[in-house]
C-alpha atoms as a PDB file:
ATOM      1  CA  MET A   1      -0.265 233.441 159.670  1.00  0.00           C
ATOM      2  CA  LYS A   2      -2.154 231.764 162.479  1.00  0.00           C
ATOM      3  CA  ALA A   3      -4.476 228.847 161.733  1.00  0.00           C
ATOM      4  CA  ILE A   4      -8.109 229.397 162.764  1.00  0.00           C
ATOM      5  CA  TRP A   5      -9.199 225.752 162.356  1.00  0.00           C
ATOM      6  CA  ASN A   6      -7.507 222.341 162.544  1.00  0.00           C
ATOM      7  CA  GLY A   7      -9.253 219.309 161.143  1.00  0.00           C
ATOM      8  CA  ALA A   8      -9.648 217.259 158.000  1.00  0.00           C
ATOM      9  CA  ILE A   9     -11.436 217.219 154.663  1.00  0.00           C
ATOM     10  CA  GLY A  10     -13.586 214.137 154.167  1.00  0.00           C
ATOM     11  CA  PHE A  11     -13.170 213.091 150.514  1.00  0.00           C
ATOM     12  CA  GLY A  12     -15.026 209.793 150.125  1.00  0.00           C
ATOM     13  CA  LEU A  13     -13.213 207.415 152.484  1.00  0.00           C
ATOM     14  CA  VAL A  14     -10.089 209.601 152.369  1.00  0.00           C
ATOM     15  CA  ASN A  15      -9.401 212.066 155.173  1.00  0.00           C
ATOM     16  CA  ILE A  16      -7.047 214.931 154.375  1.00  0.00           C
ATOM     17  CA  PRO A  17      -5.714 216.633 157.534  1.00  0.00           C
ATOM     18  CA  VAL A  18      -5.629 220.400 156.955  1.00  0.00           C
ATOM     19  CA  LYS A  19      -5.335 223.761 158.657  1.00  0.00           C
ATOM     20  CA  ILE A  20      -7.491 226.741 157.691  1.00  0.00           C
ATOM     21  CA  TYR A  21      -6.070 230.256 157.416  1.00  0.00           C
ATOM     22  CA  SER A  22      -7.922 233.469 156.658  1.00  0.00           C
ATOM     23  CA  ALA A  23      -7.100 234.507 153.076  1.00  0.00           C
ATOM     24  CA  THR A  24      -7.944 238.194 153.557  1.00  0.00           C
ATOM     25  CA  GLU A  25      -7.030 241.074 155.836  1.00  0.00           C
ATOM     26  CA  THR A  26      -8.463 244.538 156.277  1.00  0.00           C
ATOM     27  CA  THR A  27      -6.679 247.602 154.913  1.00  0.00           C
ATOM     28  CA  LYS A  28      -8.817 250.059 156.870  1.00  0.00           C
ATOM     29  CA  LEU A  29      -7.112 252.328 159.421  1.00  0.00           C
ATOM     30  CA  ASP A  30      -7.789 251.633 163.102  1.00  0.00           C
ATOM     31  CA  LEU A  31      -9.318 254.910 164.287  1.00  0.00           C
ATOM     32  CA  ASP A  32     -10.252 255.634 167.907  1.00  0.00           C
ATOM     33  CA  MET A  33     -13.382 257.511 168.994  1.00  0.00           C
ATOM     34  CA  LEU A  34     -12.469 260.656 170.998  1.00  0.00           C
ATOM     35  CA  ASP A  35     -14.200 263.381 172.983  1.00  0.00           C
ATOM     36  CA  LYS A  36     -14.103 266.523 170.806  1.00  0.00           C
ATOM     37  CA  SER A  37     -13.414 268.750 173.829  1.00  0.00           C
ATOM     38  CA  ASP A  38     -10.137 267.161 175.025  1.00  0.00           C
ATOM     39  CA  PHE A  39      -9.527 264.164 172.696  1.00  0.00           C
ATOM     40  CA  SER A  40      -9.972 261.637 175.515  1.00  0.00           C
ATOM     41  CA  ASN A  41     -10.873 258.080 174.467  1.00  0.00           C
ATOM     42  CA  ILE A  42     -14.560 257.218 174.484  1.00  0.00           C
ATOM     43  CA  LYS A  43     -15.458 254.231 176.651  1.00  0.00           C
ATOM     44  CA  PHE A  44     -18.731 252.352 176.258  1.00  0.00           C
ATOM     45  CA  LYS A  45     -20.709 251.115 179.243  1.00  0.00           C
ATOM     46  CA  ARG A  46     -23.480 248.536 179.469  1.00  0.00           C
ATOM     47  CA  VAL A  47     -26.321 250.458 181.098  1.00  0.00           C
ATOM     48  CA  ASN A  48     -29.707 249.332 182.376  1.00  0.00           C
ATOM     49  CA  GLU A  49     -32.334 251.179 180.307  1.00  0.00           C
ATOM     50  CA  SER A  50     -34.687 251.547 183.291  1.00  0.00           C
ATOM     51  CA  THR A  51     -32.267 252.509 186.096  1.00  0.00           C
ATOM     52  CA  GLY A  52     -29.453 254.082 184.078  1.00  0.00           C
ATOM     53  CA  LYS A  53     -26.940 252.114 186.180  1.00  0.00           C
ATOM     54  CA  GLU A  54     -24.026 250.150 184.705  1.00  0.00           C
ATOM     55  CA  VAL A  55     -24.508 246.363 184.576  1.00  0.00           C
ATOM     56  CA  LYS A  56     -21.659 243.915 185.209  1.00  0.00           C
ATOM     57  CA  TRP A  57     -20.904 241.248 182.611  1.00  0.00           C
ATOM     58  CA  GLU A  58     -21.866 238.422 184.973  1.00  0.00           C
ATOM     59  CA  ASN A  59     -25.352 239.904 185.317  1.00  0.00           C
ATOM     60  CA  ILE A  60     -26.037 240.155 181.587  1.00  0.00           C
ATOM     61  CA  VAL A  61     -28.182 237.540 179.826  1.00  0.00           C
ATOM     62  CA  LYS A  62     -29.559 237.345 176.291  1.00  0.00           C
ATOM     63  CA  GLY A  63     -33.179 236.993 175.310  1.00  0.00           C
ATOM     64  CA  TYR A  64     -35.534 236.934 172.335  1.00  0.00           C
ATOM     65  CA  LEU A  65     -38.538 239.261 172.280  1.00  0.00           C
ATOM     66  CA  MET A  66     -41.686 237.276 171.569  1.00  0.00           C
ATOM     67  CA  ASP A  67     -45.227 238.615 172.048  1.00  0.00           C
ATOM     68  CA  ASP A  68     -43.899 241.597 174.080  1.00  0.00           C
ATOM     69  CA  LYS A  69     -42.107 239.219 176.437  1.00  0.00           C
ATOM     70  CA  TYR A  70     -38.428 238.263 176.562  1.00  0.00           C
ATOM     71  CA  ILE A  71     -37.551 234.563 176.426  1.00  0.00           C
ATOM     72  CA  VAL A  72     -34.186 234.366 178.191  1.00  0.00           C
ATOM     73  CA  LEU A  73     -31.639 231.810 176.955  1.00  0.00           C
ATOM     74  CA  ASP A  74     -29.029 230.120 179.133  1.00  0.00           C
ATOM     75  CA  LYS A  75     -25.852 228.135 178.422  1.00  0.00           C
ATOM     76  CA  GLU A  76     -27.724 224.816 178.088  1.00  0.00           C
ATOM     77  CA  ASP A  77     -30.031 226.289 175.433  1.00  0.00           C
ATOM     78  CA  TYR A  78     -27.081 227.335 173.283  1.00  0.00           C
ATOM     79  CA  GLU A  79     -25.446 223.938 173.688  1.00  0.00           C
ATOM     80  CA  ALA A  80     -28.665 222.155 172.719  1.00  0.00           C
ATOM     81  CA  ALA A  81     -28.922 224.197 169.510  1.00  0.00           C
ATOM     82  CA  SER A  82     -25.225 223.962 168.614  1.00  0.00           C
ATOM     83  CA  PRO A  83     -24.228 221.601 165.798  1.00  0.00           C
ATOM     84  CA  GLU A  84     -22.405 218.450 166.764  1.00  0.00           C
ATOM     85  CA  LYS A  85     -18.768 219.384 167.246  1.00  0.00           C
ATOM     86  CA  THR A  86     -16.628 217.739 164.590  1.00  0.00           C
ATOM     87  CA  LYS A  87     -13.260 218.393 163.012  1.00  0.00           C
ATOM     88  CA  ILE A  88     -14.301 216.967 159.650  1.00  0.00           C
ATOM     89  CA  LEU A  89     -15.357 219.015 156.645  1.00  0.00           C
ATOM     90  CA  SER A  90     -17.125 216.280 154.738  1.00  0.00           C
ATOM     91  CA  ILE A  91     -17.620 216.930 151.027  1.00  0.00           C
ATOM     92  CA  ASP A  92     -21.246 216.019 150.281  1.00  0.00           C
ATOM     93  CA  GLN A  93     -21.309 216.818 146.562  1.00  0.00           C
ATOM     94  CA  PHE A  94     -19.249 218.164 143.686  1.00  0.00           C
ATOM     95  CA  VAL A  95     -20.584 220.930 141.459  1.00  0.00           C
ATOM     96  CA  LYS A  96     -19.407 223.099 138.602  1.00  0.00           C
ATOM     97  CA  GLU A  97     -17.910 226.287 140.037  1.00  0.00           C
ATOM     98  CA  ALA A  98     -19.964 228.391 137.625  1.00  0.00           C
ATOM     99  CA  GLU A  99     -23.174 226.951 139.125  1.00  0.00           C
ATOM    100  CA  VAL A 100     -22.555 228.697 142.462  1.00  0.00           C
ATOM    101  CA  ASP A 101     -23.777 232.285 142.175  1.00  0.00           C
ATOM    102  CA  SER A 102     -21.494 234.930 143.688  1.00  0.00           C
ATOM    103  CA  VAL A 103     -24.342 236.127 145.946  1.00  0.00           C
ATOM    104  CA  TYR A 104     -23.635 233.054 148.111  1.00  0.00           C
ATOM    105  CA  PHE A 105     -19.925 233.809 148.598  1.00  0.00           C
ATOM    106  CA  GLU A 106     -18.823 235.063 151.997  1.00  0.00           C
ATOM    107  CA  ASN A 107     -15.220 234.629 153.240  1.00  0.00           C
ATOM    108  CA  PRO A 108     -12.236 232.887 151.578  1.00  0.00           C
ATOM    109  CA  TYR A 109      -9.747 230.713 153.481  1.00  0.00           C
ATOM    110  CA  TYR A 110      -6.512 228.998 152.490  1.00  0.00           C
ATOM    111  CA  LEU A 111      -6.190 225.275 153.163  1.00  0.00           C
ATOM    112  CA  GLU A 112      -2.778 223.924 154.167  1.00  0.00           C
ATOM    113  CA  PRO A 113      -2.084 220.172 154.347  1.00  0.00           C
ATOM    114  CA  GLN A 114      -0.877 218.835 157.658  1.00  0.00           C
ATOM    115  CA  LYS A 115       1.735 216.121 158.114  1.00  0.00           C
ATOM    116  CA  ASN A 116       0.898 212.901 156.217  1.00  0.00           C
ATOM    117  CA  GLY A 117      -1.839 214.689 154.282  1.00  0.00           C
ATOM    118  CA  GLU A 118       0.305 216.110 151.469  1.00  0.00           C
ATOM    119  CA  ASN A 119      -0.312 213.325 148.931  1.00  0.00           C
ATOM    120  CA  ALA A 120      -4.102 213.302 149.393  1.00  0.00           C
ATOM    121  CA  TYR A 121      -4.126 217.126 149.282  1.00  0.00           C
ATOM    122  CA  ARG A 122      -2.327 217.171 145.924  1.00  0.00           C
ATOM    123  CA  LEU A 123      -4.618 214.435 144.624  1.00  0.00           C
ATOM    124  CA  LEU A 124      -7.787 216.408 145.429  1.00  0.00           C
ATOM    125  CA  LEU A 125      -6.257 219.595 144.030  1.00  0.00           C
ATOM    126  CA  LYS A 126      -5.365 217.901 140.736  1.00  0.00           C
ATOM    127  CA  ALA A 127      -8.749 216.177 140.438  1.00  0.00           C
ATOM    128  CA  LEU A 128     -10.618 219.456 140.970  1.00  0.00           C
ATOM    129  CA  GLN A 129      -8.447 221.159 138.352  1.00  0.00           C
ATOM    130  CA  GLU A 130      -9.062 218.491 135.709  1.00  0.00           C
ATOM    131  CA  THR A 131     -12.818 218.284 136.315  1.00  0.00           C
ATOM    132  CA  GLU A 132     -13.278 222.049 136.902  1.00  0.00           C
ATOM    133  CA  MET A 133     -15.452 221.077 139.832  1.00  0.00           C
ATOM    134  CA  ALA A 134     -15.717 222.274 143.434  1.00  0.00           C
ATOM    135  CA  GLY A 135     -16.574 220.334 146.576  1.00  0.00           C
ATOM    136  CA  ILE A 136     -19.472 221.449 148.793  1.00  0.00           C
ATOM    137  CA  GLY A 137     -19.830 220.435 152.420  1.00  0.00           C
ATOM    138  CA  THR A 138     -20.540 221.626 155.961  1.00  0.00           C
ATOM    139  CA  PHE A 139     -18.261 222.094 158.948  1.00  0.00           C
ATOM    140  CA  VAL A 140     -18.308 223.706 162.389  1.00  0.00           C
ATOM    141  CA  LEU A 141     -16.430 226.990 162.731  1.00  0.00           C
ATOM    142  CA  ARG A 142     -16.438 228.943 165.994  1.00  0.00           C
ATOM    143  CA  GLU A 143     -19.341 226.988 167.482  1.00  0.00           C
ATOM    144  CA  SER A 144     -21.643 227.467 164.484  1.00  0.00           C
ATOM    145  CA  GLU A 145     -22.397 225.366 161.426  1.00  0.00           C
ATOM    146  CA  ALA A 146     -21.033 226.675 158.153  1.00  0.00           C
ATOM    147  CA  ILE A 147     -21.261 225.627 154.523  1.00  0.00           C
ATOM    148  CA  GLY A 148     -18.155 225.792 152.371  1.00  0.00           C
ATOM    149  CA  MET A 149     -16.927 225.263 148.827  1.00  0.00           C
ATOM    150  CA  ILE A 150     -13.462 223.792 148.232  1.00  0.00           C
ATOM    151  CA  ARG A 151     -11.841 224.674 144.926  1.00  0.00           C
ATOM    152  CA  SER A 152      -8.485 225.042 143.210  1.00  0.00           C
ATOM    153  CA  TYR A 153      -6.867 228.479 143.397  1.00  0.00           C
ATOM    154  CA  ASN A 154      -4.079 229.534 141.020  1.00  0.00           C
ATOM    155  CA  ASP A 155      -3.571 225.834 140.257  1.00  0.00           C
ATOM    156  CA  GLU A 156      -1.405 225.400 143.363  1.00  0.00           C
ATOM    157  CA  ILE A 157      -3.540 225.584 146.493  1.00  0.00           C
ATOM    158  CA  LEU A 158      -6.953 224.581 147.786  1.00  0.00           C
ATOM    159  CA  VAL A 159      -9.218 227.427 148.860  1.00  0.00           C
ATOM    160  CA  LEU A 160     -12.290 227.127 151.048  1.00  0.00           C
ATOM    161  CA  ASN A 161     -14.981 229.712 150.359  1.00  0.00           C
ATOM    162  CA  ARG A 162     -17.478 230.014 153.162  1.00  0.00           C
ATOM    163  CA  LEU A 163     -20.951 230.264 151.636  1.00  0.00           C
ATOM    164  CA  ARG A 164     -24.164 231.820 152.861  1.00  0.00           C
ATOM    165  CA  PHE A 165     -27.098 229.534 153.529  1.00  0.00           C
ATOM    166  CA  ASP A 166     -29.997 229.922 151.109  1.00  0.00           C
ATOM    167  CA  GLN A 167     -32.324 231.294 153.806  1.00  0.00           C
ATOM    168  CA  GLU A 168     -29.860 234.163 154.366  1.00  0.00           C
ATOM    169  CA  ILE A 169     -30.442 235.527 150.851  1.00  0.00           C
ATOM    170  CA  ARG A 170     -33.145 238.187 150.826  1.00  0.00           C
ATOM    171  CA  ASP A 171     -36.023 238.073 148.377  1.00  0.00           C
ATOM    172  CA  TYR A 172     -35.846 240.894 145.840  1.00  0.00           C
ATOM    173  CA  LYS A 173     -39.488 240.661 144.743  1.00  0.00           C
ATOM    174  CA  ASP A 174     -40.430 243.852 146.650  1.00  0.00           C
ATOM    175  CA  LEU A 175     -37.900 245.940 144.719  1.00  0.00           C
ATOM    176  CA  LYS A 176     -39.027 248.109 141.830  1.00  0.00           C
ATOM    177  CA  ILE A 177     -37.406 246.140 139.015  1.00  0.00           C
ATOM    178  CA  PRO A 178     -38.099 247.418 135.468  1.00  0.00           C
ATOM    179  CA  ALA A 179     -40.846 245.586 133.613  1.00  0.00           C
ATOM    180  CA  LYS A 180     -39.786 242.902 131.162  1.00  0.00           C
ATOM    181  CA  LYS A 181     -39.910 245.215 128.163  1.00  0.00           C
ATOM    182  CA  ALA A 182     -37.328 244.258 125.559  1.00  0.00           C
ATOM    183  CA  PRO A 183     -34.874 247.029 124.612  1.00  0.00           C
ATOM    184  CA  LYS A 184     -34.507 248.019 120.970  1.00  0.00           C
ATOM    185  CA  PRO A 185     -32.341 245.607 118.905  1.00  0.00           C
ATOM    186  CA  ALA A 186     -30.084 248.469 117.772  1.00  0.00           C
ATOM    187  CA  GLU A 187     -29.468 249.475 121.394  1.00  0.00           C
ATOM    188  CA  VAL A 188     -28.639 245.885 122.373  1.00  0.00           C
ATOM    189  CA  LYS A 189     -26.222 245.569 119.450  1.00  0.00           C
ATOM    190  CA  MET A 190     -24.420 248.767 120.396  1.00  0.00           C
ATOM    191  CA  ALA A 191     -24.296 247.790 124.098  1.00  0.00           C
ATOM    192  CA  VAL A 192     -22.806 244.398 123.142  1.00  0.00           C
ATOM    193  CA  ASN A 193     -20.208 246.184 120.989  1.00  0.00           C
ATOM    194  CA  LEU A 194     -19.289 248.424 123.912  1.00  0.00           C
ATOM    195  CA  ILE A 195     -18.898 245.412 126.206  1.00  0.00           C
ATOM    196  CA  LYS A 196     -16.694 243.644 123.661  1.00  0.00           C
ATOM    197  CA  GLN A 197     -14.603 246.768 123.173  1.00  0.00           C
ATOM    198  CA  LEU A 198     -13.979 247.037 126.916  1.00  0.00           C
ATOM    199  CA  SER A 199     -13.441 243.290 127.439  1.00  0.00           C
ATOM    200  CA  GLN A 200     -10.090 242.063 128.796  1.00  0.00           C
ATOM    201  CA  ASP A 201      -8.693 239.483 131.200  1.00  0.00           C
ATOM    202  CA  PHE A 202      -9.490 240.236 134.828  1.00  0.00           C
ATOM    203  CA  ASP A 203      -6.497 241.762 136.625  1.00  0.00           C
ATOM    204  CA  PRO A 204      -7.232 242.291 140.353  1.00  0.00           C
ATOM    205  CA  GLU A 205      -4.057 244.382 140.706  1.00  0.00           C
ATOM    206  CA  MET A 206      -5.735 247.104 138.632  1.00  0.00           C
ATOM    207  CA  TYR A 207      -7.977 247.927 141.590  1.00  0.00           C
ATOM    208  CA  LYS A 208      -6.529 249.340 144.799  1.00  0.00           C
ATOM    209  CA  ASP A 209      -8.141 250.492 148.033  1.00  0.00           C
ATOM    210  CA  THR A 210      -6.813 254.052 147.891  1.00  0.00           C
ATOM    211  CA  TYR A 211      -9.003 255.484 150.663  1.00  0.00           C
ATOM    212  CA  SER A 212      -6.813 254.337 153.581  1.00  0.00           C
ATOM    213  CA  ASP A 213      -3.641 255.570 151.856  1.00  0.00           C
ATOM    214  CA  ALA A 214      -5.249 258.940 151.135  1.00  0.00           C
ATOM    215  CA  LEU A 215      -6.504 259.181 154.725  1.00  0.00           C
ATOM    216  CA  MET A 216      -3.032 258.383 156.114  1.00  0.00           C
ATOM    217  CA  LYS A 217      -1.555 261.075 153.861  1.00  0.00           C
ATOM    218  CA  ILE A 218      -4.027 263.572 155.310  1.00  0.00           C
ATOM    219  CA  ILE A 219      -3.175 262.434 158.866  1.00  0.00           C
ATOM    220  CA  LYS A 220       0.534 263.052 158.214  1.00  0.00           C
ATOM    221  CA  GLN A 221      -0.210 266.466 156.678  1.00  0.00           C
ATOM    222  CA  LYS A 222      -2.365 267.473 159.666  1.00  0.00           C
ATOM    223  CA  ALA A 223       0.381 266.259 162.024  1.00  0.00           C
ATOM    224  CA  LYS A 224       2.641 268.852 160.347  1.00  0.00           C
ATOM    225  CA  GLY A 225       0.020 271.552 160.851  1.00  0.00           C
ATOM    226  CA  LYS A 226      -1.098 271.747 157.236  1.00  0.00           C
ATOM    227  CA  SER A 227      -4.733 272.507 156.424  1.00  0.00           C
ATOM    228  CA  ILE A 228      -6.724 270.164 154.229  1.00  0.00           C
ATOM    229  CA  LYS A 229      -9.246 271.185 151.602  1.00  0.00           C
ATOM    230  CA  ALA A 230     -11.889 268.586 150.803  1.00  0.00           C
ATOM    231  CA  LYS A 231     -12.971 267.933 147.247  1.00  0.00           C
ATOM    232  CA  LYS A 232     -16.623 268.644 146.560  1.00  0.00           C
ATOM    233  CA  ALA A 233     -18.629 265.609 145.512  1.00  0.00           C
ATOM    234  CA  GLU A 234     -20.414 265.877 142.201  1.00  0.00           C
ATOM    235  CA  PRO A 235     -24.201 266.154 142.680  1.00  0.00           C
ATOM    236  CA  ALA A 236     -26.250 263.203 141.559  1.00  0.00           C
ATOM    237  CA  LYS A 237     -27.934 263.688 138.226  1.00  0.00           C
ATOM    238  CA  GLU A 238     -31.696 263.940 138.364  1.00  0.00           C
ATOM    239  CA  GLY A 239     -33.624 261.087 136.797  1.00  0.00           C
ATOM    240  CA  LYS A 240     -34.838 262.046 133.361  1.00  0.00           C
ATOM    241  CA  VAL A 241     -35.532 260.538 129.973  1.00  0.00           C
ATOM    242  CA  ILE A 242     -32.246 259.903 128.174  1.00  0.00           C
ATOM    243  CA  ASP A 243     -31.276 259.088 124.625  1.00  0.00           C
ATOM    244  CA  LEU A 244     -29.691 255.649 125.053  1.00  0.00           C
ATOM    245  CA  MET A 245     -28.446 255.468 121.475  1.00  0.00           C
ATOM    246  CA  ALA A 246     -26.672 258.823 121.781  1.00  0.00           C
ATOM    247  CA  GLN A 247     -25.039 257.794 125.066  1.00  0.00           C
ATOM    248  CA  LEU A 248     -23.960 254.422 123.678  1.00  0.00           C
ATOM    249  CA  LYS A 249     -22.438 256.061 120.582  1.00  0.00           C
ATOM    250  CA  ALA A 250     -20.574 258.546 122.751  1.00  0.00           C
ATOM    251  CA  SER A 251     -19.356 255.734 125.022  1.00  0.00           C
ATOM    252  CA  LEU A 252     -18.046 253.726 122.068  1.00  0.00           C
ATOM    253  CA  GLN A 253     -16.278 256.774 120.657  1.00  0.00           C
ATOM    254  CA  ASN A 254     -14.778 257.604 124.042  1.00  0.00           C
ATOM    255  CA  SER A 255     -13.569 254.016 124.467  1.00  0.00           C
ATOM    256  CA  LYS A 256     -11.952 254.055 121.025  1.00  0.00           C
ATOM    257  CA  SER A 257     -10.199 257.349 121.810  1.00  0.00           C
ATOM    258  CA  LYS A 258      -8.737 255.923 125.044  1.00  0.00           C
ATOM    259  CA  SER A 259      -7.534 252.794 123.223  1.00  0.00           C
ATOM    260  CA  ALA A 260      -5.815 254.891 120.550  1.00  0.00           C
ATOM    261  CA  SER A 261      -4.033 257.139 123.086  1.00  0.00           C
END
């Protein structure tokens, strides 16, 4: 793996030199866009909307549309707005992991201690494990300010989760959320029973991204000249009044049957 960031974690007066590595990778197939007529690669050009002529990179600027007029930004404007470049991820506060809602989570990164930082790295890891806390702080990644949460992962490594800023979370007040009408106690009891019946320890290996594998299988079959028949998607059920109790009872019975088999 290649490090994407070199710096240090600021933990009080202790600096822990670390490297950051991306903890995830895509499993999606890299497909090219082709011309249907002869399967030639599609190339994209930057074209002037008014003249239809291609524009060279050196002649392209960026601007913000305000009051039907573009305000063009130059290099100095970006530099003036950029956060102060620093190689320190300073922990500003410690919080309970459970207090950070998953809606704020963005990308996970592995933290690796650099030379002479091993002891402080292990110290922070152990302290976070015992307190069940996570450290929150800001850092600069790829010229932009980011907020991150440092926590223990699998009791053997520190993980940095990049978080979304609060102003990035959309307001849901415009959505048509059901009115606060309490469901029937009997329905709640049966729903709770169903949840308990289906409860188990989370095992991420249970869930696989099968789409790319299935697509590659189809690619290999087509390469051999075999025809492919697509499965028809089931139509969505129309919204109608349903008997919740009947569905819950059937769900519980179905769950019991699967457990017995």
